[in-house]
Amino acid sequence: MEEKTIVITDENGNAVEFEIILTFQDPKSKKNYVVYKDPESVEEVMAAEYVEEEDGQGTLLDIETDEEFEMIQEVLNTFTEED
């Protein structure tokens, strides 16, 4: 399986590469999400809303509500059960 990565610029301006676990679109809100992790960490998994810009780049937005977080957790649980 091909590993997909995302490069995020941290608060110090450093480019940090993360491994993408999964991406999906919520059918209700039509928002796109990315679930990712530091390849060196086994435990920590992060998630964000992904908004693609016209230039092909993207912006990550924080998860804003408990409902959003719970929905992402359910999708991730389903994904890992299938894996």
N, C-alpha and C. Protein backbone atom coordinates (compact mmCIF):
# COMPACT_ATOMS: atom_id res chain seq x y z
N MET A 1 0.84 -1.19 0.00
CA MET A 1 0.00 0.00 0.00
C MET A 1 0.88 1.24 0.00
N GLU A 2 0.58 2.18 -0.86
CA GLU A 2 1.34 3.41 -0.98
C GLU A 2 1.04 4.33 0.21
N GLU A 3 2.11 4.83 0.84
CA GLU A 3 1.93 5.75 1.96
C GLU A 3 1.71 7.15 1.41
N LYS A 4 0.72 7.81 1.95
CA LYS A 4 0.44 9.19 1.56
C LYS A 4 0.87 10.09 2.70
N THR A 5 1.38 11.25 2.35
CA THR A 5 1.85 12.16 3.38
C THR A 5 1.28 13.56 3.15
N ILE A 6 1.35 14.34 4.21
CA ILE A 6 0.95 15.73 4.17
C ILE A 6 2.05 16.52 4.87
N VAL A 7 2.40 17.67 4.31
CA VAL A 7 3.42 18.52 4.91
C VAL A 7 2.72 19.72 5.53
N ILE A 8 2.97 19.91 6.82
CA ILE A 8 2.34 20.99 7.57
C ILE A 8 3.43 21.91 8.09
N THR A 9 3.23 23.20 7.94
CA THR A 9 4.17 24.18 8.46
C THR A 9 3.78 24.49 9.90
N ASP A 10 4.72 24.24 10.82
CA ASP A 10 4.42 24.47 12.24
C ASP A 10 4.54 25.95 12.60
N GLU A 11 4.29 26.27 13.88
CA GLU A 11 4.28 27.66 14.34
C GLU A 11 5.65 28.33 14.21
N ASN A 12 6.72 27.54 14.04
CA ASN A 12 8.07 28.10 13.88
C ASN A 12 8.48 28.20 12.41
N GLY A 13 7.56 27.86 11.51
CA GLY A 13 7.86 27.94 10.09
C GLY A 13 8.56 26.71 9.53
N ASN A 14 8.66 25.65 10.33
CA ASN A 14 9.30 24.41 9.88
C ASN A 14 8.28 23.52 9.18
N ALA A 15 8.69 22.93 8.07
CA ALA A 15 7.84 21.97 7.35
C ALA A 15 7.98 20.62 8.02
N VAL A 16 6.85 20.05 8.44
CA VAL A 16 6.84 18.76 9.12
C VAL A 16 5.96 17.80 8.31
N GLU A 17 6.49 16.62 8.03
CA GLU A 17 5.76 15.63 7.24
C GLU A 17 5.01 14.67 8.16
N PHE A 18 3.73 14.44 7.84
CA PHE A 18 2.88 13.53 8.59
C PHE A 18 2.34 12.47 7.64
N GLU A 19 2.02 11.30 8.19
CA GLU A 19 1.43 10.21 7.42
C GLU A 19 -0.09 10.34 7.45
N ILE A 20 -0.71 10.32 6.29
CA ILE A 20 -2.17 10.39 6.19
C ILE A 20 -2.74 9.00 6.46
N ILE A 21 -3.64 8.92 7.42
CA ILE A 21 -4.31 7.65 7.72
C ILE A 21 -5.52 7.48 6.82
N LEU A 22 -6.34 8.55 6.73
CA LEU A 22 -7.47 8.51 5.82
C LEU A 22 -8.00 9.90 5.56
N THR A 23 -8.68 10.03 4.44
CA THR A 23 -9.39 11.26 4.10
C THR A 23 -10.82 10.86 3.75
N PHE A 24 -11.74 11.76 4.04
CA PHE A 24 -13.15 11.47 3.71
C PHE A 24 -13.95 12.76 3.70
N GLN A 25 -15.12 12.69 3.07
CA GLN A 25 -16.06 13.81 3.06
C GLN A 25 -17.29 13.40 3.85
N ASP A 26 -17.71 14.28 4.76
CA ASP A 26 -18.94 14.03 5.51
C ASP A 26 -20.12 14.28 4.58
N PRO A 27 -20.99 13.29 4.39
CA PRO A 27 -22.11 13.46 3.46
C PRO A 27 -23.10 14.53 3.87
N LYS A 28 -23.23 14.79 5.16
CA LYS A 28 -24.19 15.81 5.61
C LYS A 28 -23.67 17.22 5.39
N SER A 29 -22.46 17.49 5.87
CA SER A 29 -21.92 18.85 5.81
C SER A 29 -21.15 19.13 4.53
N LYS A 30 -20.76 18.08 3.81
CA LYS A 30 -19.92 18.18 2.60
C LYS A 30 -18.52 18.69 2.92
N LYS A 31 -18.13 18.68 4.19
CA LYS A 31 -16.78 19.08 4.58
C LYS A 31 -15.83 17.91 4.35
N ASN A 32 -14.60 18.23 3.96
CA ASN A 32 -13.57 17.22 3.78
C ASN A 32 -12.69 17.17 5.02
N TYR A 33 -12.29 15.97 5.40
CA TYR A 33 -11.47 15.78 6.59
C TYR A 33 -10.24 14.95 6.26
N VAL A 34 -9.19 15.18 7.01
CA VAL A 34 -7.98 14.37 6.92
C VAL A 34 -7.61 13.93 8.33
N VAL A 35 -7.30 12.64 8.47
CA VAL A 35 -6.84 12.07 9.74
C VAL A 35 -5.39 11.68 9.48
N TYR A 36 -4.48 12.15 10.33
CA TYR A 36 -3.05 11.96 10.08
C TYR A 36 -2.29 11.76 11.39
N LYS A 37 -1.03 11.31 11.25
CA LYS A 37 -0.20 11.08 12.44
C LYS A 37 1.26 11.30 12.10
N ASP A 38 2.02 11.55 13.14
CA ASP A 38 3.48 11.63 13.03
C ASP A 38 3.97 10.20 12.81
N PRO A 39 4.75 9.96 11.77
CA PRO A 39 5.20 8.59 11.51
C PRO A 39 6.03 7.99 12.65
N GLU A 40 6.58 8.83 13.49
CA GLU A 40 7.39 8.34 14.61
C GLU A 40 6.55 8.06 15.85
N SER A 41 5.26 8.41 15.83
CA SER A 41 4.39 8.21 16.98
C SER A 41 3.39 7.10 16.70
N VAL A 42 3.26 6.20 17.63
CA VAL A 42 2.31 5.10 17.48
C VAL A 42 0.94 5.52 18.03
N GLU A 43 0.92 6.36 19.02
CA GLU A 43 -0.29 6.69 19.76
C GLU A 43 -1.09 7.86 19.20
N GLU A 44 -0.43 8.97 18.94
CA GLU A 44 -1.14 10.23 18.66
C GLU A 44 -1.66 10.30 17.22
N VAL A 45 -2.96 10.52 17.10
CA VAL A 45 -3.61 10.70 15.81
C VAL A 45 -4.29 12.06 15.83
N MET A 46 -4.16 12.80 14.74
CA MET A 46 -4.74 14.13 14.64
C MET A 46 -5.74 14.18 13.49
N ALA A 47 -6.66 15.12 13.57
CA ALA A 47 -7.65 15.29 12.50
C ALA A 47 -7.90 16.76 12.28
N ALA A 48 -8.27 17.09 11.06
CA ALA A 48 -8.58 18.47 10.72
C ALA A 48 -9.52 18.50 9.53
N GLU A 49 -10.23 19.60 9.40
CA GLU A 49 -11.00 19.84 8.19
C GLU A 49 -10.02 20.31 7.13
N TYR A 50 -10.18 19.83 5.91
CA TYR A 50 -9.28 20.18 4.81
C TYR A 50 -10.05 21.00 3.78
N VAL A 51 -9.54 22.19 3.49
CA VAL A 51 -10.15 23.05 2.48
C VAL A 51 -9.13 23.26 1.37
N GLU A 52 -9.46 22.79 0.16
CA GLU A 52 -8.54 22.93 -0.96
C GLU A 52 -8.66 24.33 -1.56
N GLU A 53 -7.52 24.93 -1.82
CA GLU A 53 -7.45 26.27 -2.41
C GLU A 53 -7.41 26.15 -3.93
N GLU A 54 -7.60 27.25 -4.62
CA GLU A 54 -7.61 27.25 -6.08
C GLU A 54 -6.27 26.84 -6.68
N ASP A 55 -5.17 27.09 -5.95
CA ASP A 55 -3.84 26.76 -6.47
C ASP A 55 -3.45 25.31 -6.23
N GLY A 56 -4.39 24.50 -5.71
CA GLY A 56 -4.11 23.10 -5.45
C GLY A 56 -3.55 22.83 -4.07
N GLN A 57 -3.15 23.87 -3.39
CA GLN A 57 -2.70 23.74 -2.01
C GLN A 57 -3.92 23.62 -1.11
N GLY A 58 -3.71 23.38 0.16
CA GLY A 58 -4.84 23.25 1.05
C GLY A 58 -4.59 23.91 2.39
N THR A 59 -5.67 24.11 3.10
CA THR A 59 -5.62 24.68 4.44
C THR A 59 -6.28 23.71 5.40
N LEU A 60 -5.66 23.52 6.55
CA LEU A 60 -6.24 22.68 7.59
C LEU A 60 -6.91 23.57 8.62
N LEU A 61 -8.14 23.23 8.96
CA LEU A 61 -8.90 23.98 9.96
C LEU A 61 -9.15 23.09 11.17
N ASP A 62 -9.13 23.69 12.34
CA ASP A 62 -9.39 22.94 13.57
C ASP A 62 -10.79 22.35 13.58
N ILE A 63 -10.94 21.22 14.25
CA ILE A 63 -12.26 20.63 14.49
C ILE A 63 -12.93 21.50 15.54
N GLU A 64 -14.11 22.01 15.23
CA GLU A 64 -14.73 23.04 16.06
C GLU A 64 -15.73 22.54 17.08
N THR A 65 -16.37 21.40 16.83
CA THR A 65 -17.44 20.97 17.73
C THR A 65 -17.21 19.54 18.20
N ASP A 66 -17.84 19.21 19.32
CA ASP A 66 -17.79 17.84 19.83
C ASP A 66 -18.45 16.89 18.85
N GLU A 67 -19.51 17.34 18.18
CA GLU A 67 -20.22 16.50 17.22
C GLU A 67 -19.30 16.13 16.05
N GLU A 68 -18.55 17.11 15.58
CA GLU A 68 -17.60 16.87 14.49
C GLU A 68 -16.54 15.86 14.94
N PHE A 69 -16.00 16.07 16.12
CA PHE A 69 -14.98 15.18 16.65
C PHE A 69 -15.51 13.75 16.78
N GLU A 70 -16.71 13.60 17.32
CA GLU A 70 -17.32 12.28 17.49
C GLU A 70 -17.57 11.59 16.15
N MET A 71 -18.01 12.36 15.15
CA MET A 71 -18.24 11.80 13.81
C MET A 71 -16.92 11.30 13.23
N ILE A 72 -15.85 12.08 13.37
CA ILE A 72 -14.54 11.67 12.87
C ILE A 72 -14.07 10.41 13.59
N GLN A 73 -14.28 10.36 14.90
CA GLN A 73 -13.88 9.19 15.68
C GLN A 73 -14.62 7.94 15.20
N GLU A 74 -15.91 8.07 14.90
CA GLU A 74 -16.69 6.93 14.40
C GLU A 74 -16.17 6.45 13.05
N VAL A 75 -15.86 7.39 12.16
CA VAL A 75 -15.33 7.02 10.84
C VAL A 75 -13.98 6.33 11.01
N LEU A 76 -13.12 6.87 11.88
CA LEU A 76 -11.81 6.27 12.11
C LEU A 76 -11.95 4.87 12.70
N ASN A 77 -12.85 4.70 13.65
CA ASN A 77 -13.07 3.38 14.24
C ASN A 77 -13.51 2.37 13.19
N THR A 78 -14.43 2.77 12.32
CA THR A 78 -14.90 1.90 11.25
C THR A 78 -13.76 1.55 10.32
N PHE A 79 -12.95 2.54 9.98
CA PHE A 79 -11.80 2.33 9.07
C PHE A 79 -10.80 1.35 9.69
N THR A 80 -10.49 1.52 10.96
CA THR A 80 -9.49 0.64 11.59
C THR A 80 -10.03 -0.76 11.81
N GLU A 81 -11.34 -0.92 11.99
CA GLU A 81 -11.94 -2.25 12.13
C GLU A 81 -11.86 -3.02 10.81
N GLU A 82 -11.96 -2.30 9.69
CA GLU A 82 -11.91 -2.93 8.38
C GLU A 82 -10.49 -3.30 7.99
N ASP A 83 -9.51 -2.61 8.56
CA ASP A 83 -8.10 -2.78 8.19
C ASP A 83 -7.50 -4.04 8.71
